[in-house]
C-alpha cells in the first residue's frame, strides 16, 4: 500500500514538472494580457452603459437600442 502511495506522489510530481516545462518553452507565444480599454457611454433613455461602438445614435443623443431612440425622439423607424 505504501508503494502505491509513493508511486502516486511521484507521478503527480512528474506531471506538474512536465506541465511547467511545457509552459516555459522559448518558442511559445507569450500569454495574452487584457485588451485595451473601450470608451463607455450611457443611454440617454435608461442610463445603461455600453461600448461606444455599439450605441444607436440619434439627433438628441445616444441610445442602447432603436426602441429607446424612438421613445425619446418621437421618431418612426
PDB file of N, CA and C in Angstrom:
ATOM      1  N   UNK A   1       0.818  -1.186   0.000  1.00  0.00           N
ATOM      2  CA  UNK A   1       0.000   0.000   0.000  1.00  0.00           C
ATOM      3  C   UNK A   1       0.873   1.265   0.000  1.00  0.00           C
ATOM      4  N   UNK A   2       1.964   1.233   0.769  1.00  0.00           N
ATOM      5  CA  UNK A   2       2.888   2.362   0.801  1.00  0.00           C
ATOM      6  C   UNK A   2       3.500   2.582  -0.573  1.00  0.00           C
ATOM      7  N   UNK A   3       3.777   1.498  -1.269  1.00  0.00           N
ATOM      8  CA  UNK A   3       4.368   1.586  -2.597  1.00  0.00           C
ATOM      9  C   UNK A   3       3.431   2.326  -3.556  1.00  0.00           C
ATOM     10  N   UNK A   4       2.128   2.043  -3.500  1.00  0.00           N
ATOM     11  CA  UNK A   4       1.165   2.711  -4.376  1.00  0.00           C
ATOM     12  C   UNK A   4       1.064   4.202  -4.046  1.00  0.00           C
ATOM     13  N   UNK A   5       1.118   4.543  -2.776  1.00  0.00           N
ATOM     14  CA  UNK A   5       1.056   5.941  -2.379  1.00  0.00           C
ATOM     15  C   UNK A   5       2.290   6.701  -2.862  1.00  0.00           C
ATOM     16  N   UNK A   6       3.462   6.116  -2.694  1.00  0.00           N
ATOM     17  CA  UNK A   6       4.704   6.744  -3.167  1.00  0.00           C
ATOM     18  C   UNK A   6       4.684   6.874  -4.680  1.00  0.00           C
ATOM     19  N   UNK A   7       4.222   5.859  -5.382  1.00  0.00           N
ATOM     20  CA  UNK A   7       4.126   5.905  -6.833  1.00  0.00           C
ATOM     21  C   UNK A   7       3.172   7.013  -7.283  1.00  0.00           C
ATOM     22  N   UNK A   8       2.045   7.166  -6.604  1.00  0.00           N
ATOM     23  CA  UNK A   8       1.080   8.209  -6.953  1.00  0.00           C
ATOM     24  C   UNK A   8       1.693   9.597  -6.753  1.00  0.00           C
ATOM     25  N   UNK A   9       2.408   9.801  -5.658  1.00  0.00           N
ATOM     26  CA  UNK A   9       3.042  11.089  -5.391  1.00  0.00           C
ATOM     27  C   UNK A   9       4.098  11.395  -6.451  1.00  0.00           C
ATOM     28  N   UNK A  10       4.885  10.394  -6.820  1.00  0.00           N
ATOM     29  CA  UNK A  10       5.919  10.597  -7.841  1.00  0.00           C
ATOM     30  C   UNK A  10       5.279  10.930  -9.188  1.00  0.00           C
ATOM     31  N   UNK A  11       4.201  10.257  -9.545  1.00  0.00           N
ATOM     32  CA  UNK A  11       3.535  10.532 -10.820  1.00  0.00           C
ATOM     33  C   UNK A  11       2.935  11.935 -10.850  1.00  0.00           C
ATOM     34  N   UNK A  12       2.334  12.362  -9.757  1.00  0.00           N
ATOM     35  CA  UNK A  12       1.763  13.711  -9.697  1.00  0.00           C
ATOM     36  C   UNK A  12       2.883  14.752  -9.789  1.00  0.00           C
ATOM     37  N   UNK A  13       3.979  14.535  -9.085  1.00  0.00           N
ATOM     38  CA  UNK A  13       5.103  15.461  -9.147  1.00  0.00           C
ATOM     39  C   UNK A  13       5.671  15.525 -10.560  1.00  0.00           C
ATOM     40  N   UNK A  14       5.795  14.395 -11.234  1.00  0.00           N
ATOM     41  CA  UNK A  14       6.297  14.364 -12.612  1.00  0.00           C
ATOM     42  C   UNK A  14       5.358  15.112 -13.543  1.00  0.00           C
ATOM     43  N   UNK A  15       4.062  14.924 -13.373  1.00  0.00           N
ATOM     44  CA  UNK A  15       3.063  15.585 -14.209  1.00  0.00           C
ATOM     45  C   UNK A  15       3.136  17.108 -14.033  1.00  0.00           C
ATOM     46  N   UNK A  16       3.254  17.575 -12.786  1.00  0.00           N
ATOM     47  CA  UNK A  16       3.358  19.008 -12.527  1.00  0.00           C
ATOM     48  C   UNK A  16       4.643  19.569 -13.132  1.00  0.00           C
ATOM     49  N   UNK A  17       5.757  18.888 -12.961  1.00  0.00           N
ATOM     50  CA  UNK A  17       7.040  19.321 -13.503  1.00  0.00           C
ATOM     51  C   UNK A  17       6.982  19.405 -15.027  1.00  0.00           C
ATOM     52  N   UNK A  18       6.369  18.402 -15.659  1.00  0.00           N
ATOM     53  CA  UNK A  18       6.279  18.366 -17.122  1.00  0.00           C
ATOM     54  C   UNK A  18       5.423  19.518 -17.644  1.00  0.00           C
ATOM     55  N   UNK A  19       4.281  19.793 -16.991  1.00  0.00           N
ATOM     56  CA  UNK A  19       3.425  20.898 -17.436  1.00  0.00           C
ATOM     57  C   UNK A  19       4.123  22.243 -17.281  1.00  0.00           C
ATOM     58  N   UNK A  20       4.882  22.423 -16.230  1.00  0.00           N
ATOM     59  CA  UNK A  20       5.612  23.683 -16.054  1.00  0.00           C
ATOM     60  C   UNK A  20       6.676  23.858 -17.131  1.00  0.00           C
ATOM     61  N   UNK A  21       7.327  22.785 -17.527  1.00  0.00           N
ATOM     62  CA  UNK A  21       8.342  22.879 -18.571  1.00  0.00           C
ATOM     63  C   UNK A  21       7.718  23.203 -19.920  1.00  0.00           C
ATOM     64  N   UNK A  22       6.533  22.673 -20.213  1.00  0.00           N
ATOM     65  CA  UNK A  22       5.878  22.959 -21.489  1.00  0.00           C
ATOM     66  C   UNK A  22       5.470  24.421 -21.585  1.00  0.00           C
ATOM     67  N   UNK A  23       5.106  25.023 -20.461  1.00  0.00           N
ATOM     68  CA  UNK A  23       4.691  26.429 -20.470  1.00  0.00           C
ATOM     69  C   UNK A  23       5.868  27.377 -20.605  1.00  0.00           C
ATOM     70  N   UNK A  24       7.083  26.920 -20.334  1.00  0.00           N
ATOM     71  CA  UNK A  24       8.259  27.783 -20.378  1.00  0.00           C
ATOM     72  C   UNK A  24       9.069  27.633 -21.665  1.00  0.00           C
ATOM     73  N   UNK A  25       8.508  27.027 -22.696  1.00  0.00           N
ATOM     74  CA  UNK A  25       9.245  26.862 -23.949  1.00  0.00           C
ATOM     75  C   UNK A  25       9.567  28.220 -24.558  1.00  0.00           C
ATOM     76  N   UNK A  26      10.772  28.398 -25.118  1.00  0.00           N
ATOM     77  CA  UNK A  26      11.141  29.697 -25.688  1.00  0.00           C
ATOM     78  C   UNK A  26      10.357  30.041 -26.947  1.00  0.00           C
ATOM     79  N   UNK A  27       9.892  29.062 -27.723  1.00  0.00           N
ATOM     80  CA  UNK A  27       9.172  29.339 -28.956  1.00  0.00           C
ATOM     81  C   UNK A  27       7.691  29.596 -28.738  1.00  0.00           C
ATOM     82  N   UNK A  28       7.224  29.404 -27.529  1.00  0.00           N
ATOM     83  CA  UNK A  28       5.794  29.574 -27.250  1.00  0.00           C
ATOM     84  C   UNK A  28       5.451  31.059 -27.200  1.00  0.00           C
ATOM     85  N   UNK A  29       4.296  31.445 -27.725  1.00  0.00           N
ATOM     86  CA  UNK A  29       3.901  32.858 -27.666  1.00  0.00           C
ATOM     87  C   UNK A  29       3.607  33.251 -26.218  1.00  0.00           C
ATOM     88  N   UNK A  30       3.857  34.516 -25.870  1.00  0.00           N
ATOM     89  CA  UNK A  30       3.584  34.948 -24.504  1.00  0.00           C
ATOM     90  C   UNK A  30       2.081  34.952 -24.230  1.00  0.00           C
ATOM     91  N   UNK A  31       1.685  34.791 -22.988  1.00  0.00           N
ATOM     92  CA  UNK A  31       0.257  34.809 -22.681  1.00  0.00           C
ATOM     93  C   UNK A  31      -0.342  36.175 -22.997  1.00  0.00           C
ATOM     94  N   UNK A  32      -1.579  36.165 -23.482  1.00  0.00           N
ATOM     95  CA  UNK A  32      -2.254  37.405 -23.843  1.00  0.00           C
ATOM     96  C   UNK A  32      -2.723  38.140 -22.605  1.00  0.00           C
ATOM     97  N   UNK A  33      -2.457  39.403 -22.555  1.00  0.00           N
ATOM     98  CA  UNK A  33      -2.891  40.228 -21.434  1.00  0.00           C
ATOM     99  C   UNK A  33      -4.273  40.799 -21.714  1.00  0.00           C
ATOM    100  N   UNK A  34      -4.731  41.639 -20.832  1.00  0.00           N
ATOM    101  CA  UNK A  34      -6.046  42.254 -21.053  1.00  0.00           C
ATOM    102  C   UNK A  34      -6.016  43.179 -22.264  1.00  0.00           C
ATOM    103  N   UNK A  35      -7.155  43.329 -22.908  1.00  0.00           N
ATOM    104  CA  UNK A  35      -7.248  44.188 -24.082  1.00  0.00           C
ATOM    105  C   UNK A  35      -7.203  45.659 -23.704  1.00  0.00           C
ATOM    106  N   UNK A  36      -7.248  46.510 -24.710  1.00  0.00           N
ATOM    107  CA  UNK A  36      -7.227  47.950 -24.478  1.00  0.00           C
ATOM    108  C   UNK A  36      -8.584  48.394 -23.930  1.00  0.00           C
ATOM    109  N   UNK A  37      -8.603  49.443 -23.114  1.00  0.00           N
ATOM    110  CA  UNK A  37      -9.874  49.938 -22.587  1.00  0.00           C
ATOM    111  C   UNK A  37     -10.755  50.486 -23.703  1.00  0.00           C
ATOM    112  N   UNK A  38     -12.050  50.373 -23.514  1.00  0.00           N
ATOM    113  CA  UNK A  38     -13.026  50.825 -24.503  1.00  0.00           C
ATOM    114  C   UNK A  38     -13.842  51.943 -23.866  1.00  0.00           C
ATOM    115  N   UNK A  39     -14.096  53.003 -24.633  1.00  0.00           N
ATOM    116  CA  UNK A  39     -14.912  54.104 -24.129  1.00  0.00           C
ATOM    117  C   UNK A  39     -16.351  53.631 -23.953  1.00  0.00           C
ATOM    118  N   UNK A  40     -16.921  53.921 -22.780  1.00  0.00           N
ATOM    119  CA  UNK A  40     -18.295  53.527 -22.481  1.00  0.00           C
ATOM    120  C   UNK A  40     -19.161  54.781 -22.426  1.00  0.00           C
ATOM    121  N   UNK A  41     -20.378  54.675 -22.938  1.00  0.00           N
ATOM    122  CA  UNK A  41     -21.327  55.792 -22.883  1.00  0.00           C
ATOM    123  C   UNK A  41     -22.635  55.284 -22.301  1.00  0.00           C
ATOM    124  N   UNK A  42     -23.409  56.212 -21.747  1.00  0.00           N
ATOM    125  CA  UNK A  42     -24.682  55.864 -21.128  1.00  0.00           C
ATOM    126  C   UNK A  42     -25.822  56.169 -22.088  1.00  0.00           C
ATOM    127  N   UNK A  43     -26.814  55.302 -22.115  1.00  0.00           N
ATOM    128  CA  UNK A  43     -28.028  55.521 -22.907  1.00  0.00           C
ATOM    129  C   UNK A  43     -28.761  56.727 -22.313  1.00  0.00           C
ATOM    130  N   UNK A  44     -29.214  57.645 -23.166  1.00  0.00           N
ATOM    131  CA  UNK A  44     -29.914  58.835 -22.688  1.00  0.00           C
ATOM    132  C   UNK A  44     -31.325  58.521 -22.199  1.00  0.00           C
ATOM    133  N   UNK A  45     -31.827  57.335 -22.457  1.00  0.00           N
ATOM    134  CA  UNK A  45     -33.169  56.965 -22.004  1.00  0.00           C
ATOM    135  C   UNK A  45     -33.133  56.196 -20.686  1.00  0.00           C
ATOM    136  N   UNK A  46     -32.346  55.128 -20.621  1.00  0.00           N
ATOM    137  CA  UNK A  46     -32.358  54.260 -19.434  1.00  0.00           C
ATOM    138  C   UNK A  46     -31.080  54.332 -18.605  1.00  0.00           C
ATOM    139  N   UNK A  47     -30.016  54.925 -19.136  1.00  0.00           N
ATOM    140  CA  UNK A  47     -28.782  55.058 -18.382  1.00  0.00           C
ATOM    141  C   UNK A  47     -27.860  53.854 -18.450  1.00  0.00           C
ATOM    142  N   UNK A  48     -28.216  52.840 -19.213  1.00  0.00           N
ATOM    143  CA  UNK A  48     -27.369  51.659 -19.346  1.00  0.00           C
ATOM    144  C   UNK A  48     -26.064  52.030 -20.050  1.00  0.00           C
ATOM    145  N   UNK A  49     -24.951  51.579 -19.501  1.00  0.00           N
ATOM    146  CA  UNK A  49     -23.651  51.845 -20.118  1.00  0.00           C
ATOM    147  C   UNK A  49     -23.321  50.747 -21.121  1.00  0.00           C
ATOM    148  N   UNK A  50     -22.803  51.148 -22.279  1.00  0.00           N
ATOM    149  CA  UNK A  50     -22.399  50.190 -23.300  1.00  0.00           C
ATOM    150  C   UNK A  50     -21.239  50.771 -24.086  1.00  0.00           C
ATOM    151  N   UNK A  51     -20.481  49.912 -24.791  1.00  0.00           N
ATOM    152  CA  UNK A  51     -19.336  50.399 -25.571  1.00  0.00           C
ATOM    153  C   UNK A  51     -19.776  51.403 -26.631  1.00  0.00           C
ATOM    154  N   UNK A  52     -18.941  52.394 -26.856  1.00  0.00           N
ATOM    155  CA  UNK A  52     -19.281  53.465 -27.801  1.00  0.00           C
ATOM    156  C   UNK A  52     -19.535  52.926 -29.208  1.00  0.00           C
ATOM    157  N   UNK A  53     -18.897  51.821 -29.571  1.00  0.00           N
ATOM    158  CA  UNK A  53     -19.070  51.258 -30.910  1.00  0.00           C
ATOM    159  C   UNK A  53     -20.445  50.610 -31.094  1.00  0.00           C
ATOM    160  N   UNK A  54     -21.163  50.328 -30.006  1.00  0.00           N
ATOM    161  CA  UNK A  54     -22.441  49.624 -30.100  1.00  0.00           C
ATOM    162  C   UNK A  54     -23.657  50.528 -29.909  1.00  0.00           C
ATOM    163  N   UNK A  55     -23.470  51.832 -29.748  1.00  0.00           N
ATOM    164  CA  UNK A  55     -24.598  52.717 -29.476  1.00  0.00           C
ATOM    165  C   UNK A  55     -25.403  52.983 -30.743  1.00  0.00           C
ATOM    166  N   UNK A  56     -26.661  53.370 -30.534  1.00  0.00           N
ATOM    167  CA  UNK A  56     -27.532  53.823 -31.611  1.00  0.00           C
ATOM    168  C   UNK A  56     -27.591  55.332 -31.479  1.00  0.00           C
ATOM    169  N   UNK A  57     -27.098  56.028 -32.500  1.00  0.00           N
ATOM    170  CA  UNK A  57     -27.041  57.493 -32.423  1.00  0.00           C
ATOM    171  C   UNK A  57     -28.341  58.097 -32.940  1.00  0.00           C
ATOM    172  N   UNK A  58     -28.805  59.096 -32.222  1.00  0.00           N
ATOM    173  CA  UNK A  58     -29.998  59.829 -32.618  1.00  0.00           C
ATOM    174  C   UNK A  58     -29.686  61.311 -32.683  1.00  0.00           C
ATOM    175  N   UNK A  59     -30.693  62.122 -33.006  1.00  0.00           N
ATOM    176  CA  UNK A  59     -30.492  63.569 -33.097  1.00  0.00           C
ATOM    177  C   UNK A  59     -30.298  64.184 -31.717  1.00  0.00           C
ATOM    178  N   UNK A  60     -30.878  63.570 -30.688  1.00  0.00           N
ATOM    179  CA  UNK A  60     -30.819  64.145 -29.347  1.00  0.00           C
ATOM    180  C   UNK A  60     -29.887  63.399 -28.407  1.00  0.00           C
ATOM    181  N   UNK A  61     -29.126  62.440 -28.902  1.00  0.00           N
ATOM    182  CA  UNK A  61     -28.195  61.733 -28.024  1.00  0.00           C
ATOM    183  C   UNK A  61     -27.883  60.337 -28.517  1.00  0.00           C
ATOM    184  N   UNK A  62     -27.390  59.521 -27.590  1.00  0.00           N
ATOM    185  CA  UNK A  62     -27.052  58.132 -27.915  1.00  0.00           C
ATOM    186  C   UNK A  62     -27.935  57.212 -27.080  1.00  0.00           C
ATOM    187  N   UNK A  63     -28.261  56.049 -27.658  1.00  0.00           N
ATOM    188  CA  UNK A  63     -29.197  55.124 -27.023  1.00  0.00           C
ATOM    189  C   UNK A  63     -28.672  53.699 -27.144  1.00  0.00           C
ATOM    190  N   UNK A  64     -29.204  52.814 -26.302  1.00  0.00           N
ATOM    191  CA  UNK A  64     -28.768  51.420 -26.322  1.00  0.00           C
ATOM    192  C   UNK A  64     -29.511  50.608 -27.372  1.00  0.00           C
ATOM    193  N   UNK A  65     -30.681  51.088 -27.841  1.00  0.00           N
ATOM    194  CA  UNK A  65     -31.439  50.350 -28.858  1.00  0.00           C
ATOM    195  C   UNK A  65     -32.338  51.316 -29.627  1.00  0.00           C
ATOM    196  N   UNK A  66     -32.877  50.838 -30.728  1.00  0.00           N
ATOM    197  CA  UNK A  66     -33.752  51.666 -31.561  1.00  0.00           C
ATOM    198  C   UNK A  66     -35.028  52.056 -30.811  1.00  0.00           C
ATOM    199  N   UNK A  67     -35.542  51.180 -29.987  1.00  0.00           N
ATOM    200  CA  UNK A  67     -36.773  51.451 -29.241  1.00  0.00           C
ATOM    201  C   UNK A  67     -36.595  52.676 -28.334  1.00  0.00           C
ATOM    202  N   UNK A  68     -35.477  52.766 -27.652  1.00  0.00           N
ATOM    203  CA  UNK A  68     -35.243  53.913 -26.778  1.00  0.00           C
ATOM    204  C   UNK A  68     -35.042  55.191 -27.588  1.00  0.00           C
ATOM    205  N   UNK A  69     -34.414  55.083 -28.746  1.00  0.00           N
ATOM    206  CA  UNK A  69     -34.268  56.261 -29.613  1.00  0.00           C
ATOM    207  C   UNK A  69     -35.638  56.764 -30.056  1.00  0.00           C
ATOM    208  N   UNK A  70     -36.516  55.828 -30.463  1.00  0.00           N
ATOM    209  CA  UNK A  70     -37.868  56.216 -30.894  1.00  0.00           C
ATOM    210  C   UNK A  70     -38.652  56.851 -29.747  1.00  0.00           C
ATOM    211  N   UNK A  71     -38.548  56.293 -28.559  1.00  0.00           N
ATOM    212  CA  UNK A  71     -39.305  56.815 -27.416  1.00  0.00           C
ATOM    213  C   UNK A  71     -38.842  58.225 -27.047  1.00  0.00           C
ATOM    214  N   UNK A  72     -37.558  58.499 -27.070  1.00  0.00           N
ATOM    215  CA  UNK A  72     -37.047  59.813 -26.682  1.00  0.00           C
ATOM    216  C   UNK A  72     -37.211  60.847 -27.767  1.00  0.00           C
ATOM    217  N   UNK A  73     -37.100  60.465 -29.022  1.00  0.00           N
ATOM    218  CA  UNK A  73     -37.135  61.439 -30.097  1.00  0.00           C
ATOM    219  C   UNK A  73     -38.469  61.485 -30.801  1.00  0.00           C
ATOM    220  N   UNK A  74     -39.361  60.555 -30.512  1.00  0.00           N
ATOM    221  CA  UNK A  74     -40.656  60.542 -31.166  1.00  0.00           C
ATOM    222  C   UNK A  74     -40.548  60.271 -32.649  1.00  0.00           C
ATOM    223  N   UNK A  75     -39.491  59.561 -33.064  1.00  0.00           N
ATOM    224  CA  UNK A  75     -39.242  59.279 -34.496  1.00  0.00           C
ATOM    225  C   UNK A  75     -39.843  57.934 -34.847  1.00  0.00           C
ATOM    226  N   UNK A  76     -40.205  57.782 -36.101  1.00  0.00           N
ATOM    227  CA  UNK A  76     -40.679  56.480 -36.587  1.00  0.00           C
ATOM    228  C   UNK A  76     -39.505  55.737 -37.194  1.00  0.00           C
ATOM    229  N   UNK A  77     -39.597  54.403 -37.287  1.00  0.00           N
ATOM    230  CA  UNK A  77     -38.462  53.611 -37.792  1.00  0.00           C
ATOM    231  C   UNK A  77     -38.182  53.951 -39.185  1.00  0.00           C
TER     232      UNK A  77
END
